Structure formats: C-alpha cells, structure tokens
C-alpha cells in the first residue's frame, strides 16, 4: 500500500497539482489548529488565574462541538458547491481565531472553541472526505486518503512545536497572529484548487451520511485510546524539541511501513507500534534526562505513526465504496475527540497526581493492545466477508 505513497508515478498519478494544494492546505490548517493547544491553557491560567482544569475544559469543548454539524454534512455538500462550503468554513474559522486575545472570560473562550470545533468539522469533512476524493482518480483514492492523513499528522506536531517555541519568547498575541497567518495561507491554497463540477443533489437535511459510520466503531475506539495518550502528552510536556522528535518518529514509521512492514499483517504493525509507545513512556517515567526524553519522543512518534496508520486503513477499508467519505470523517472526529479527552484528563489530573501520568498512559496502551488482539482484529476479519476490500487493504 505504501508503494503508492513513495512511488506515485507507477500508476495513475496521485500527486496532481490539486492534490499537492489540498495536502499543503491540510498541513497548514492542522499546524494552525494545534499550535494553540499548548499556548491557550497557559495563557488562560496566567492571564485570568483560572485552574488548569477550567482551562482544559474550555479548550476541550472543541471536540464535542465537532459533532454539532455532522448530521447536516451530507445536505451541505450535496446542495452547495463543496469548495464554497469549505472556503466559507475556513474563513470563519480563521476570523474567529482573532477573538482569543479580546474575550473577557473562560466562558467566552469555551464559546469560541465551540464555534471553531463546528467549523473545523465542516472543513475536515469537505477536504478529506470529499475534495480529495473528487480530485483523485477512483483507483487512487485509498492512496490519496492515506497521504492526506499523513500530511495532517505532520502538521499537528509541527504546529505544537511552533506554538511552544513562539509563546515564551514573544506572547500569546503572536501565537494568535501566526495561527491566523497559517490559516489564511491554507484558505488561499484551497482557493487555487480546481474541483470538477458536480450537479446539486436533492438530499435530506439530516443524515448520518458523511458523519459517522457505526461499522467502524471498534477500530475507532482503539484509535481514540491512542489519541488520548497523545492528548495527555500534549498537555503534560512543554518542549518543542520533544515534538520535533515525535515528527522524526513519524518519518521513521512511514519508512518502516514501506520497507520493513510492507508485507506484515496489521496485527504485527499494531504490536510493534504499541511496543515502541510503551518503551517511550517507560523511558519518560524512569528518567528526567533531556536526551532520554528526546529518544522517548522518537519512540512515541514511531509507535503512534505505525499504529494509527493501521487503524486508519481499517476505517477506510471497512466502508462500502459510497461510504468512503463517511469512514474518513469518522476517523477525523474520533481522533480529535480522543486527543482532547486526554488533554482534558491531564489538566484535571496533573494538579493532584503529577507523578502517575506516564503510568496511566502505559495502562491505556496495554488495554488498547489487549482489546485489539482479542476483539478488534478478529472482528475486523469477520467484517471483510461482507465488505470485500481490495487485497492490499487487508490486514
């Protein structure tokens, strides 16, 4: 499967001009979003003297709000031009970011986060679930979804590192302005994408189509546990070099998937990924050395990248052909909800039990692995009898 990511010219072209523009926009959008995560709670605590739990709750509202427009997704993109829906949502998302330095209470921060959560849900649905599919040849759409998701992951950790770097040296306003600048660039790139014309369709205004796919529930729950660990780490570790090391780990996992694990089973990938994550967490738990924390970052990046890739492939191979966008959107929703749940948990837990956080993460990884081994993996193979994905999606 990863042959197509590394060698895109062997078949129908994957990296077309439109695909490159969409991917760069996705990178900038995720960098813009994630650079606020480490800076916003710290600014709230220092500016308003609220607790970390209150700040974490205000930030995590974003995840719940992502579900609000979900039932209207199908109506929006079938009734209106998909690119126009995306551009309007991105414009409002970027503009609302300018409100952060000027709101007066934690409640208003939560309201801005809720608005942005709903808008981000619409953006990810129109880009990853529809526009990427629209501009890609039908036999390359799985490859396009995989590539697009990887670019988003790189944007996440780049945004985290950038936010942590900017906030201490300048101030929160500079974080906001950089966030707005990156979001504006992402919007301009979408503006340049040439989307094939599709005639409007008559559809119900309320539908689960392009929102949630219940058939992907079990891999989604596994992935939520994985992203919860990532969210805990985001809230707990404030070091830009650590996240650069996670980015290096992502690159290593991509190379492993291509050159070492290309013929391995999905079970092997998850086992290897969880072993790397647990190794990294043990290193953090037993050592205060900066160098060991960077090694742990590489291990965690390798483990997260390897494991989440397998869960993502399951979530886009289980749907029927016409449900691919819904499977992709389910992945986006569950990743953000899991990550923000972990982020909130750490902000609530760390004030009273700071020394136990890595052991909690290890426990989550162990439960994830056991759940996958004894339930998700066998259940997935039983589902293949009904969905019959292509051979390269199996595993």
Protein backbone atom coordinates (compact mmCIF):
# COMPACT_ATOMS: atom_id res chain seq x y z
CA UNK A 1 0.00 0.00 0.00
CA UNK A 2 2.77 2.44 0.85
CA UNK A 3 4.41 1.78 -2.53
CA UNK A 4 1.94 4.29 -3.90
CA UNK A 5 2.93 6.89 -1.33
CA UNK A 6 6.65 6.64 -2.16
CA UNK A 7 6.46 5.85 -5.87
CA UNK A 8 3.45 7.83 -7.13
CA UNK A 9 4.21 7.60 -10.85
CA UNK A 10 3.90 3.86 -11.32
CA UNK A 11 0.12 4.02 -11.90
CA UNK A 12 -2.44 6.80 -12.34
CA UNK A 13 -0.91 9.97 -10.95
CA UNK A 14 -1.53 10.59 -7.24
CA UNK A 15 0.35 13.84 -6.63
CA UNK A 16 -1.52 16.02 -9.09
CA UNK A 17 -1.42 19.79 -8.72
CA UNK A 18 -4.78 19.75 -6.93
CA UNK A 19 -3.67 17.01 -4.54
CA UNK A 20 -0.49 18.94 -3.67
CA UNK A 21 -2.50 22.11 -2.98
CA UNK A 22 -5.00 20.24 -0.79
CA UNK A 23 -2.23 18.49 1.14
CA UNK A 24 -0.29 21.71 1.78
CA UNK A 25 -3.51 23.37 2.90
CA UNK A 26 -4.18 20.45 5.26
CA UNK A 27 -0.67 20.75 6.74
CA UNK A 28 -1.11 24.48 7.37
CA UNK A 29 -4.62 24.05 8.76
CA UNK A 30 -3.53 21.43 11.31
CA UNK A 31 -0.44 23.47 12.23
CA UNK A 32 -2.70 26.49 12.78
CA UNK A 33 -5.08 24.50 14.97
CA UNK A 34 -2.55 22.59 17.05
CA UNK A 35 -0.21 25.50 17.79
CA UNK A 36 -2.98 26.91 20.02
CA UNK A 37 -3.21 23.78 22.18
CA UNK A 38 -0.09 24.29 24.34
CA UNK A 39 -0.33 28.10 24.44
CA UNK A 40 -4.04 28.76 25.13
CA UNK A 41 -4.38 26.97 28.51
CA UNK A 42 -1.14 28.53 29.82
CA UNK A 43 -2.31 31.98 28.77
CA UNK A 44 -5.69 31.45 30.47
CA UNK A 45 -4.08 30.29 33.72
CA UNK A 46 -1.60 33.19 33.79
CA UNK A 47 -3.97 35.86 32.48
CA UNK A 48 -7.12 35.01 34.45
CA UNK A 49 -5.66 32.85 37.23
CA UNK A 50 -8.12 30.07 36.47
CA UNK A 51 -7.30 26.45 37.26
CA UNK A 52 -5.75 24.09 34.72
CA UNK A 53 -8.94 22.03 34.89
CA UNK A 54 -11.06 25.04 33.86
CA UNK A 55 -8.64 25.94 31.07
CA UNK A 56 -8.52 22.35 29.84
CA UNK A 57 -12.32 22.09 29.83
CA UNK A 58 -12.68 25.32 27.83
CA UNK A 59 -10.18 24.06 25.24
CA UNK A 60 -11.70 20.55 25.06
CA UNK A 61 -15.18 21.89 24.22
CA UNK A 62 -13.85 21.95 20.66
CA UNK A 63 -14.10 18.13 20.43
CA UNK A 64 -17.75 17.95 21.45
CA UNK A 65 -18.67 20.82 19.13
CA UNK A 66 -17.27 18.88 16.16
CA UNK A 67 -20.35 16.65 16.35
CA UNK A 68 -22.83 19.53 16.05
CA UNK A 69 -22.81 20.00 12.24
CA UNK A 70 -22.25 16.31 11.49
CA UNK A 71 -25.82 15.34 10.70
CA UNK A 72 -26.03 18.22 8.19
CA UNK A 73 -22.80 17.37 6.35
CA UNK A 74 -24.47 15.46 3.55
CA UNK A 75 -27.00 18.24 2.97
CA UNK A 76 -24.29 20.91 2.85
CA UNK A 77 -22.03 19.25 0.30
CA UNK A 78 -24.80 17.83 -1.90
CA UNK A 79 -26.81 21.07 -2.02
CA UNK A 80 -23.99 23.62 -2.30
CA UNK A 81 -20.63 23.68 -4.04
CA UNK A 82 -18.20 21.69 -1.89
CA UNK A 83 -15.31 24.06 -2.41
CA UNK A 84 -17.52 27.02 -1.46
CA UNK A 85 -18.64 25.30 1.75
CA UNK A 86 -15.01 24.65 2.64
CA UNK A 87 -13.92 28.23 1.90
CA UNK A 88 -16.70 29.79 3.97
CA UNK A 89 -15.99 27.49 6.92
CA UNK A 90 -12.23 28.21 6.71
CA UNK A 91 -12.79 31.95 6.51
CA UNK A 92 -14.99 31.89 9.63
CA UNK A 93 -12.52 29.58 11.40
CA UNK A 94 -9.59 31.92 10.75
CA UNK A 95 -11.58 35.06 11.62
CA UNK A 96 -12.80 33.58 14.91
CA UNK A 97 -9.19 32.93 15.96
CA UNK A 98 -8.68 36.70 16.19
CA UNK A 99 -11.17 36.81 19.08
CA UNK A 100 -8.98 34.91 21.56
CA UNK A 101 -6.94 37.83 22.97
CA UNK A 102 -10.02 40.02 23.36
CA UNK A 103 -12.57 37.82 25.12
CA UNK A 104 -13.12 38.54 28.81
CA UNK A 105 -13.99 35.22 30.45
CA UNK A 106 -13.31 31.49 30.35
CA UNK A 107 -16.89 31.00 29.19
CA UNK A 108 -16.32 33.12 26.10
CA UNK A 109 -13.15 31.16 25.33
CA UNK A 110 -15.26 27.98 25.51
CA UNK A 111 -17.80 29.57 23.16
CA UNK A 112 -15.11 30.49 20.61
CA UNK A 113 -13.70 26.96 20.85
CA UNK A 114 -17.18 25.51 20.31
CA UNK A 115 -17.71 27.64 17.19
CA UNK A 116 -14.30 26.64 15.86
CA UNK A 117 -14.97 22.96 16.59
CA UNK A 118 -18.11 23.03 14.47
CA UNK A 119 -16.35 24.88 11.67
CA UNK A 120 -13.33 22.55 11.77
CA UNK A 121 -15.68 19.58 11.46
CA UNK A 122 -17.12 21.06 8.26
CA UNK A 123 -13.62 21.80 6.92
CA UNK A 124 -12.27 18.29 7.52
CA UNK A 125 -15.42 16.78 6.02
CA UNK A 126 -15.19 18.86 2.84
CA UNK A 127 -11.41 18.44 2.36
CA UNK A 128 -10.53 14.91 3.48
CA UNK A 129 -13.91 13.31 2.84
CA UNK A 130 -14.94 14.96 -0.42
CA UNK A 131 -12.46 17.29 -2.18
CA UNK A 132 -9.55 14.82 -2.00
CA UNK A 133 -11.79 12.12 -3.43
CA UNK A 134 -13.19 14.46 -6.10
CA UNK A 135 -9.75 15.40 -7.50
CA UNK A 136 -8.28 11.87 -7.44
CA UNK A 137 -8.70 9.00 -9.90
CA UNK A 138 -11.03 6.34 -8.48
CA UNK A 139 -8.36 3.64 -8.16
CA UNK A 140 -6.03 6.01 -6.24
CA UNK A 141 -8.50 7.24 -3.63
CA UNK A 142 -7.29 4.94 -0.84
CA UNK A 143 -3.74 6.15 -1.50
CA UNK A 144 -4.94 9.76 -1.53
CA UNK A 145 -6.72 9.35 1.81
CA UNK A 146 -3.59 7.80 3.37
CA UNK A 147 -1.29 10.52 2.03
CA UNK A 148 -3.68 13.28 3.10
CA UNK A 149 -3.93 11.89 6.64
CA UNK A 150 -0.14 11.66 6.94
CA UNK A 151 0.28 15.29 5.91
CA UNK A 152 -2.23 16.25 8.61
CA UNK A 153 -0.22 14.35 11.24
CA UNK A 154 2.95 16.17 10.24
CA UNK A 155 1.04 19.45 10.54
CA UNK A 156 -0.12 18.53 14.05
CA UNK A 157 3.33 18.08 15.54
CA UNK A 158 4.80 20.99 13.57
CA UNK A 159 2.07 23.23 15.00
CA UNK A 160 2.72 22.00 18.55
CA UNK A 161 6.45 22.71 18.25
CA UNK A 162 5.79 26.13 16.71
CA UNK A 163 3.28 27.17 19.39
CA UNK A 164 5.61 26.11 22.22
CA UNK A 165 8.51 27.97 20.59
CA UNK A 166 6.65 31.26 19.98
CA UNK A 167 4.73 31.68 23.26
CA UNK A 168 7.63 32.03 25.76
CA UNK A 169 9.76 34.27 23.55
CA UNK A 170 7.03 36.65 22.41
CA UNK A 171 3.47 36.49 23.76
CA UNK A 172 0.06 34.95 23.17
CA UNK A 173 -0.87 37.61 20.61
CA UNK A 174 1.99 36.46 18.37
CA UNK A 175 0.73 32.86 18.63
CA UNK A 176 -2.73 34.03 17.52
CA UNK A 177 -1.39 36.09 14.63
CA UNK A 178 0.80 33.21 13.42
CA UNK A 179 -2.21 30.89 13.70
CA UNK A 180 -4.28 33.32 11.59
CA UNK A 181 -1.48 33.68 9.02
CA UNK A 182 -1.18 29.90 8.59
CA UNK A 183 -4.96 29.55 8.34
CA UNK A 184 -5.11 32.29 5.72
CA UNK A 185 -2.45 30.55 3.63
CA UNK A 186 -4.42 27.32 3.90
CA UNK A 187 -7.53 29.14 2.65
CA UNK A 188 -5.68 30.65 -0.32
CA UNK A 189 -4.39 27.21 -1.32
CA UNK A 190 -7.93 25.81 -1.30
CA UNK A 191 -9.00 28.76 -3.43
CA UNK A 192 -6.50 27.64 -6.08
CA UNK A 193 -7.80 24.04 -6.23
CA UNK A 194 -9.69 23.16 -9.41
CA UNK A 195 -12.64 20.97 -8.38
CA UNK A 196 -14.67 19.09 -11.03
CA UNK A 197 -18.25 20.30 -11.41
CA UNK A 198 -20.92 18.24 -9.67
CA UNK A 199 -24.61 18.96 -10.12
CA UNK A 200 -26.50 19.67 -6.87
CA UNK A 201 -28.47 16.74 -5.45
CA UNK A 202 -31.72 16.62 -3.56
CA UNK A 203 -30.96 15.11 -0.19
CA UNK A 204 -32.36 15.02 3.32
CA UNK A 205 -31.13 17.86 5.54
CA UNK A 206 -30.50 15.40 8.40
CA UNK A 207 -28.44 12.25 7.76
CA UNK A 208 -25.58 10.15 9.16
CA UNK A 209 -24.04 10.05 5.68
CA UNK A 210 -20.58 11.72 5.72
CA UNK A 211 -20.88 11.99 9.51
CA UNK A 212 -20.47 8.73 11.43
CA UNK A 213 -20.15 5.14 10.24
CA UNK A 214 -21.18 2.73 13.04
CA UNK A 215 -19.44 -0.19 11.27
CA UNK A 216 -16.04 1.37 12.09
CA UNK A 217 -16.83 1.60 15.83
CA UNK A 218 -14.26 -0.86 17.18
CA UNK A 219 -11.17 0.39 15.34
CA UNK A 220 -12.40 3.91 16.14
CA UNK A 221 -12.47 3.12 19.87
CA UNK A 222 -8.95 1.69 19.64
CA UNK A 223 -7.79 4.83 17.86
CA UNK A 224 -9.47 7.09 20.43
CA UNK A 225 -7.41 5.42 23.14
CA UNK A 226 -4.27 6.04 21.11
CA UNK A 227 -5.10 9.70 20.51
CA UNK A 228 -5.99 10.10 24.21
CA UNK A 229 -2.39 9.18 25.07
CA UNK A 230 -1.21 11.78 22.55
CA UNK A 231 -3.52 14.38 24.13
CA UNK A 232 -2.16 13.62 27.61
CA UNK A 233 1.39 14.11 26.35
CA UNK A 234 0.47 17.42 24.65
CA UNK A 235 -0.88 18.77 27.93
CA UNK A 236 2.00 17.38 30.03
CA UNK A 237 5.19 18.04 28.02
CA UNK A 238 6.10 21.60 27.08
CA UNK A 239 9.24 21.22 24.98
CA UNK A 240 9.34 21.97 21.25
CA UNK A 241 12.27 19.61 20.63
CA UNK A 242 10.24 16.74 22.05
CA UNK A 243 7.60 17.26 19.36
CA UNK A 244 10.25 17.59 16.67
CA UNK A 245 11.45 14.16 17.85
CA UNK A 246 7.88 12.87 17.50
CA UNK A 247 7.91 14.24 13.95
CA UNK A 248 11.14 12.30 13.31
CA UNK A 249 9.39 9.21 14.71
CA UNK A 250 6.53 9.74 12.25
CA UNK A 251 9.03 9.75 9.39
CA UNK A 252 10.63 6.56 10.74
CA UNK A 253 7.23 4.87 10.98
CA UNK A 254 6.47 5.83 7.38
CA UNK A 255 9.77 4.29 6.25
CA UNK A 256 9.11 1.16 8.33
CA UNK A 257 5.69 0.76 6.75
CA UNK A 258 7.24 0.98 3.30
CA UNK A 259 10.46 -1.03 3.64
CA UNK A 260 10.04 -3.34 6.65
CA UNK A 261 6.33 -3.85 7.26
CA UNK A 262 5.03 -3.72 3.69
CA UNK A 263 4.08 -7.42 3.80
CA UNK A 264 3.43 -7.65 7.55
CA UNK A 265 -0.01 -8.26 8.99
CA UNK A 266 -1.98 -5.48 10.65
CA UNK A 267 -1.54 -7.28 13.95
CA UNK A 268 2.26 -7.03 13.66
CA UNK A 269 2.08 -3.30 12.96
CA UNK A 270 -0.10 -2.63 16.00
CA UNK A 271 2.08 -4.82 18.23
CA UNK A 272 5.25 -3.10 17.09
CA UNK A 273 3.67 0.34 17.44
CA UNK A 274 2.44 -0.31 20.96
CA UNK A 275 5.79 -1.80 21.99
CA UNK A 276 7.51 1.40 20.80
CA UNK A 277 5.00 3.59 22.64
CA UNK A 278 5.30 1.66 25.89
CA UNK A 279 9.09 1.77 25.59
CA UNK A 280 9.00 5.55 25.15
CA UNK A 281 6.62 6.02 28.08
CA UNK A 282 8.78 3.84 30.35
CA UNK A 283 11.78 5.98 29.42
CA UNK A 284 9.84 9.12 30.40
CA UNK A 285 8.64 7.52 33.65
CA UNK A 286 12.09 6.42 34.85
CA UNK A 287 14.35 9.22 33.58
CA UNK A 288 14.43 13.01 33.85
CA UNK A 289 17.24 13.36 31.27
CA UNK A 290 16.51 15.65 28.32
CA UNK A 291 18.32 13.28 25.96
CA UNK A 292 16.19 10.35 27.13
CA UNK A 293 13.04 12.44 26.63
CA UNK A 294 14.09 13.07 23.02
CA UNK A 295 14.70 9.34 22.47
CA UNK A 296 11.29 8.72 24.03
CA UNK A 297 9.79 11.24 21.58
CA UNK A 298 11.22 9.33 18.62
CA UNK A 299 9.87 6.04 20.02
CA UNK A 300 6.45 7.55 20.67
CA UNK A 301 6.29 9.09 17.20
CA UNK A 302 7.24 5.76 15.65
CA UNK A 303 4.63 3.94 17.72
CA UNK A 304 1.81 6.43 17.15
CA UNK A 305 2.52 6.68 13.42
CA UNK A 306 2.64 2.91 12.92
CA UNK A 307 -0.47 2.17 14.99
CA UNK A 308 -2.74 4.97 13.82
CA UNK A 309 -1.94 4.17 10.19
CA UNK A 310 -3.26 0.64 10.66
CA UNK A 311 -6.45 1.86 12.37
CA UNK A 312 -6.99 4.47 9.65
CA UNK A 313 -6.64 1.86 6.89
CA UNK A 314 -9.20 -0.32 8.65
CA UNK A 315 -11.61 2.60 8.95
CA UNK A 316 -11.48 3.45 5.24
CA UNK A 317 -11.45 -0.17 4.01
CA UNK A 318 -14.48 -1.32 6.02
CA UNK A 319 -16.95 1.11 4.37
CA UNK A 320 -18.66 0.32 1.10
CA UNK A 321 -17.38 2.31 -1.89
CA UNK A 322 -20.01 5.03 -1.47
CA UNK A 323 -19.26 5.29 2.28
CA UNK A 324 -15.54 6.05 1.99
CA UNK A 325 -16.01 9.72 2.88
CA UNK A 326 -18.10 8.78 5.92
CA UNK A 327 -15.38 6.41 7.13
CA UNK A 328 -12.74 9.10 6.71
CA UNK A 329 -14.86 11.66 8.57
CA UNK A 330 -15.41 9.18 11.41
CA UNK A 331 -11.64 8.86 11.72
CA UNK A 332 -11.21 12.65 11.91
CA UNK A 333 -13.91 13.02 14.58
CA UNK A 334 -12.70 10.16 16.76
CA UNK A 335 -9.07 11.28 16.63
CA UNK A 336 -9.92 14.80 17.81
CA UNK A 337 -12.35 13.62 20.49
CA UNK A 338 -9.85 11.11 21.87
CA UNK A 339 -6.99 13.61 21.81
CA UNK A 340 -8.98 16.36 23.54
CA UNK A 341 -10.33 13.87 26.11
CA UNK A 342 -6.75 13.00 27.02
CA UNK A 343 -5.84 16.71 27.05
CA UNK A 344 -8.70 17.46 29.47
CA UNK A 345 -7.90 14.46 31.67
CA UNK A 346 -4.27 15.54 32.09
CA UNK A 347 -5.26 19.10 33.01
CA UNK A 348 -7.67 17.77 35.65
CA UNK A 349 -5.40 15.02 36.98
CA UNK A 350 -1.93 16.50 36.99
CA UNK A 351 -2.54 19.09 39.74
CA UNK A 352 -3.04 16.32 42.31
CA UNK A 353 -1.24 13.29 40.80
CA UNK A 354 1.55 14.54 38.50
CA UNK A 355 3.85 11.55 39.03
CA UNK A 356 1.38 8.95 37.78
CA UNK A 357 0.61 10.35 34.35
CA UNK A 358 3.05 8.19 32.37
CA UNK A 359 1.85 5.03 34.11
CA UNK A 360 -1.72 5.90 33.17
CA UNK A 361 -0.59 6.26 29.54
CA UNK A 362 1.15 2.86 29.74
CA UNK A 363 -2.06 1.35 31.13
CA UNK A 364 -4.08 2.80 28.23
CA UNK A 365 -1.60 1.33 25.73
CA UNK A 366 -1.82 -2.11 27.36
CA UNK A 367 -5.63 -2.04 27.33
CA UNK A 368 -5.58 -0.87 23.70
CA UNK A 369 -3.30 -3.75 22.69
CA UNK A 370 -5.37 -6.37 24.54
CA UNK A 371 -8.60 -5.01 23.06
CA UNK A 372 -7.10 -5.11 19.58
CA UNK A 373 -5.63 -8.62 19.92
CA UNK A 374 -8.69 -10.31 21.36
CA UNK A 375 -11.54 -8.37 19.82
CA UNK A 376 -10.90 -5.72 17.15
CA UNK A 377 -8.57 -7.78 14.97
CA UNK A 378 -10.81 -10.92 14.79
CA UNK A 379 -13.90 -8.73 14.41
CA UNK A 380 -12.29 -6.85 11.50
CA UNK A 381 -11.55 -10.06 9.59
CA UNK A 382 -15.12 -11.23 10.08
CA UNK A 383 -16.31 -7.92 8.58
CA UNK A 384 -14.17 -8.45 5.46
CA UNK A 385 -16.57 -11.19 4.42
CA UNK A 386 -19.22 -8.52 3.90
CA UNK A 387 -17.23 -5.52 2.65
CA UNK A 388 -14.63 -7.36 0.49
CA UNK A 389 -11.93 -4.64 0.26
CA UNK A 390 -9.07 -4.89 -2.17
CA UNK A 391 -6.28 -7.32 -1.20
CA UNK A 392 -3.87 -4.53 -0.31
CA UNK A 393 -6.37 -3.18 2.27
CA UNK A 394 -6.45 -6.48 4.12
CA UNK A 395 -4.55 -6.99 7.37
